[in-house]
C-alpha cells in the first residue's frame, strides 16, 4: 500500500536544504562512489537531468514506516510546497556527511547525530 510521508521544512535552514537537495537536486556523478550498481542504475533511469533529489534526517525512527513508492510531501510555512515519490531508502552516514556537511552553508552538522 502506498503511504504518504510529510517532510517538514519549517526552519529556514531546513527550507534551504529542501531547495538545494530536493528542488534543485544534486549531481548523480558527485555521489557515484557512495552508490551500489543497482542504486546508480535506478537514479540514472529515473532522472531527466542527471540529478538525484534527496532528503535526510538525524532524528531516529523518522524513516521507520517509510517505504519505496510512498508519496512524499514537503511542508513549509503552512503549506505543502512540493510532492514526489520515494524511490530509495538508505542509512548511509558517509553519504549524509558528504551531502550535509560538505555542501551546505548553515553549519548544523552534528558529529554525534549525523
C-alpha atoms as a PDB file:
ATOM      1  CA  UNK A   1       0.000   0.000   0.000  1.00  0.00           C
ATOM      2  CA  UNK A   2       1.342   3.425  -0.905  1.00  0.00           C
ATOM      3  CA  UNK A   3       1.740   5.723   2.080  1.00  0.00           C
ATOM      4  CA  UNK A   4       2.205   9.449   2.491  1.00  0.00           C
ATOM      5  CA  UNK A   5       5.339  10.923   4.039  1.00  0.00           C
ATOM      6  CA  UNK A   6       5.444  14.509   5.313  1.00  0.00           C
ATOM      7  CA  UNK A   7       8.897  16.106   5.089  1.00  0.00           C
ATOM      8  CA  UNK A   8       8.865  19.161   7.360  1.00  0.00           C
ATOM      9  CA  UNK A   9      10.980  22.089   6.187  1.00  0.00           C
ATOM     10  CA  UNK A  10       9.802  24.677   8.676  1.00  0.00           C
ATOM     11  CA  UNK A  11      13.081  26.157   9.854  1.00  0.00           C
ATOM     12  CA  UNK A  12      14.939  28.458   7.477  1.00  0.00           C
ATOM     13  CA  UNK A  13      17.918  26.076   7.269  1.00  0.00           C
ATOM     14  CA  UNK A  14      15.648  23.097   6.542  1.00  0.00           C
ATOM     15  CA  UNK A  15      13.893  25.078   3.795  1.00  0.00           C
ATOM     16  CA  UNK A  16      17.272  25.946   2.285  1.00  0.00           C
ATOM     17  CA  UNK A  17      18.154  22.222   2.394  1.00  0.00           C
ATOM     18  CA  UNK A  18      14.867  21.452   0.620  1.00  0.00           C
ATOM     19  CA  UNK A  19      15.653  23.966  -2.134  1.00  0.00           C
ATOM     20  CA  UNK A  20      19.216  22.721  -2.548  1.00  0.00           C
ATOM     21  CA  UNK A  21      18.711  18.954  -2.315  1.00  0.00           C
ATOM     22  CA  UNK A  22      15.131  18.272  -3.367  1.00  0.00           C
ATOM     23  CA  UNK A  23      14.038  21.120  -5.621  1.00  0.00           C
ATOM     24  CA  UNK A  24      17.391  21.762  -7.338  1.00  0.00           C
ATOM     25  CA  UNK A  25      18.892  18.286  -6.845  1.00  0.00           C
ATOM     26  CA  UNK A  26      22.460  17.072  -6.559  1.00  0.00           C
ATOM     27  CA  UNK A  27      24.545  15.676  -9.457  1.00  0.00           C
ATOM     28  CA  UNK A  28      24.468  11.888  -9.505  1.00  0.00           C
ATOM     29  CA  UNK A  29      28.093  11.790 -10.630  1.00  0.00           C
ATOM     30  CA  UNK A  30      29.156  13.522  -7.384  1.00  0.00           C
ATOM     31  CA  UNK A  31      27.800  10.675  -5.264  1.00  0.00           C
ATOM     32  CA  UNK A  32      28.555   7.686  -7.502  1.00  0.00           C
ATOM     33  CA  UNK A  33      31.196   6.367  -5.103  1.00  0.00           C
ATOM     34  CA  UNK A  34      28.541   6.051  -2.357  1.00  0.00           C
ATOM     35  CA  UNK A  35      26.098   4.062  -4.512  1.00  0.00           C
ATOM     36  CA  UNK A  36      25.940   0.421  -5.499  1.00  0.00           C
ATOM     37  CA  UNK A  37      25.252  -0.521  -9.124  1.00  0.00           C
ATOM     38  CA  UNK A  38      21.531  -1.060  -8.515  1.00  0.00           C
ATOM     39  CA  UNK A  39      21.028   2.355  -6.897  1.00  0.00           C
ATOM     40  CA  UNK A  40      23.112   4.059  -9.557  1.00  0.00           C
ATOM     41  CA  UNK A  41      21.019   2.486 -12.317  1.00  0.00           C
ATOM     42  CA  UNK A  42      17.786   3.432 -10.515  1.00  0.00           C
ATOM     43  CA  UNK A  43      18.809   7.080 -10.196  1.00  0.00           C
ATOM     44  CA  UNK A  44      20.113   7.317 -13.740  1.00  0.00           C
ATOM     45  CA  UNK A  45      16.968   5.805 -15.274  1.00  0.00           C
ATOM     46  CA  UNK A  46      14.543   7.914 -13.219  1.00  0.00           C
ATOM     47  CA  UNK A  47      16.351  11.242 -13.567  1.00  0.00           C
ATOM     48  CA  UNK A  48      15.691  13.538 -16.503  1.00  0.00           C
ATOM     49  CA  UNK A  49      18.585  15.802 -15.575  1.00  0.00           C
ATOM     50  CA  UNK A  50      21.270  13.503 -14.072  1.00  0.00           C
ATOM     51  CA  UNK A  51      20.375  14.809 -10.626  1.00  0.00           C
ATOM     52  CA  UNK A  52      19.351  12.946  -7.510  1.00  0.00           C
ATOM     53  CA  UNK A  53      16.766  14.628  -5.283  1.00  0.00           C
ATOM     54  CA  UNK A  54      17.400  13.651  -1.663  1.00  0.00           C
ATOM     55  CA  UNK A  55      16.218  14.318   1.874  1.00  0.00           C
ATOM     56  CA  UNK A  56      17.729  13.207   5.141  1.00  0.00           C
ATOM     57  CA  UNK A  57      17.220  13.443   8.858  1.00  0.00           C
ATOM     58  CA  UNK A  58      19.165  12.838  12.034  1.00  0.00           C
ATOM     59  CA  UNK A  59      16.015  12.098  14.041  1.00  0.00           C
ATOM     60  CA  UNK A  60      15.996   8.415  14.988  1.00  0.00           C
ATOM     61  CA  UNK A  61      12.999   6.463  13.738  1.00  0.00           C
ATOM     62  CA  UNK A  62      11.798   9.074  11.264  1.00  0.00           C
ATOM     63  CA  UNK A  63      12.062   6.680   8.317  1.00  0.00           C
ATOM     64  CA  UNK A  64      10.841   3.581  10.186  1.00  0.00           C
ATOM     65  CA  UNK A  65       7.452   3.469   8.434  1.00  0.00           C
ATOM     66  CA  UNK A  66       8.516   4.893   5.070  1.00  0.00           C
ATOM     67  CA  UNK A  67       8.612   2.542   2.086  1.00  0.00           C
ATOM     68  CA  UNK A  68       9.634   2.750  -1.542  1.00  0.00           C
ATOM     69  CA  UNK A  69       6.970   4.309  -3.765  1.00  0.00           C
ATOM     70  CA  UNK A  70       5.397   6.272  -0.907  1.00  0.00           C
ATOM     71  CA  UNK A  71       4.278   9.791  -1.790  1.00  0.00           C
ATOM     72  CA  UNK A  72       6.441  12.496  -0.198  1.00  0.00           C
ATOM     73  CA  UNK A  73       5.054  15.951   0.580  1.00  0.00           C
ATOM     74  CA  UNK A  74       7.314  18.824   1.653  1.00  0.00           C
ATOM     75  CA  UNK A  75       5.674  21.116   4.201  1.00  0.00           C
ATOM     76  CA  UNK A  76       6.796  24.718   4.745  1.00  0.00           C
ATOM     77  CA  UNK A  77       5.168  27.814   6.216  1.00  0.00           C
ATOM     78  CA  UNK A  78       1.667  26.354   6.488  1.00  0.00           C
ATOM     79  CA  UNK A  79       1.519  24.752   3.055  1.00  0.00           C
ATOM     80  CA  UNK A  80       2.733  21.813   1.021  1.00  0.00           C
ATOM     81  CA  UNK A  81       5.333  23.202  -1.378  1.00  0.00           C
ATOM     82  CA  UNK A  82       6.417  20.061  -3.228  1.00  0.00           C
ATOM     83  CA  UNK A  83       5.498  16.456  -3.834  1.00  0.00           C
ATOM     84  CA  UNK A  84       7.405  13.475  -5.077  1.00  0.00           C
ATOM     85  CA  UNK A  85       7.833   9.752  -4.747  1.00  0.00           C
ATOM     86  CA  UNK A  86      10.234   7.797  -2.548  1.00  0.00           C
ATOM     87  CA  UNK A  87      12.464   5.790  -4.871  1.00  0.00           C
ATOM     88  CA  UNK A  88      15.049   4.522  -2.412  1.00  0.00           C
ATOM     89  CA  UNK A  89      15.786   4.490   1.296  1.00  0.00           C
ATOM     90  CA  UNK A  90      19.205   4.112   2.810  1.00  0.00           C
ATOM     91  CA  UNK A  91      21.047   4.615   6.048  1.00  0.00           C
ATOM     92  CA  UNK A  92      24.437   5.932   4.962  1.00  0.00           C
ATOM     93  CA  UNK A  93      26.246   8.234   7.418  1.00  0.00           C
ATOM     94  CA  UNK A  94      29.155   8.719   4.979  1.00  0.00           C
ATOM     95  CA  UNK A  95      26.859   9.924   2.213  1.00  0.00           C
ATOM     96  CA  UNK A  96      24.956  12.095   4.671  1.00  0.00           C
ATOM     97  CA  UNK A  97      28.193  13.677   5.853  1.00  0.00           C
ATOM     98  CA  UNK A  98      29.292  14.369   2.290  1.00  0.00           C
ATOM     99  CA  UNK A  99      25.956  15.943   1.359  1.00  0.00           C
ATOM    100  CA  UNK A 100      25.101  17.878   4.508  1.00  0.00           C
ATOM    101  CA  UNK A 101      28.489  18.672   5.968  1.00  0.00           C
ATOM    102  CA  UNK A 102      30.462  19.404   2.823  1.00  0.00           C
ATOM    103  CA  UNK A 103      27.731  21.036   0.718  1.00  0.00           C
ATOM    104  CA  UNK A 104      25.659  23.308   2.957  1.00  0.00           C
ATOM    105  CA  UNK A 105      26.227  26.765   4.340  1.00  0.00           C
ATOM    106  CA  UNK A 106      24.350  26.586   7.653  1.00  0.00           C
ATOM    107  CA  UNK A 107      26.947  24.559   9.581  1.00  0.00           C
ATOM    108  CA  UNK A 108      24.436  22.472  11.540  1.00  0.00           C
ATOM    109  CA  UNK A 109      26.272  19.163  11.038  1.00  0.00           C
ATOM    110  CA  UNK A 110      26.380  17.289  14.353  1.00  0.00           C
ATOM    111  CA  UNK A 111      29.043  14.581  14.690  1.00  0.00           C
ATOM    112  CA  UNK A 112      27.035  12.934  17.499  1.00  0.00           C
ATOM    113  CA  UNK A 113      23.845  12.739  15.440  1.00  0.00           C
ATOM    114  CA  UNK A 114      24.609  12.578  11.726  1.00  0.00           C
END
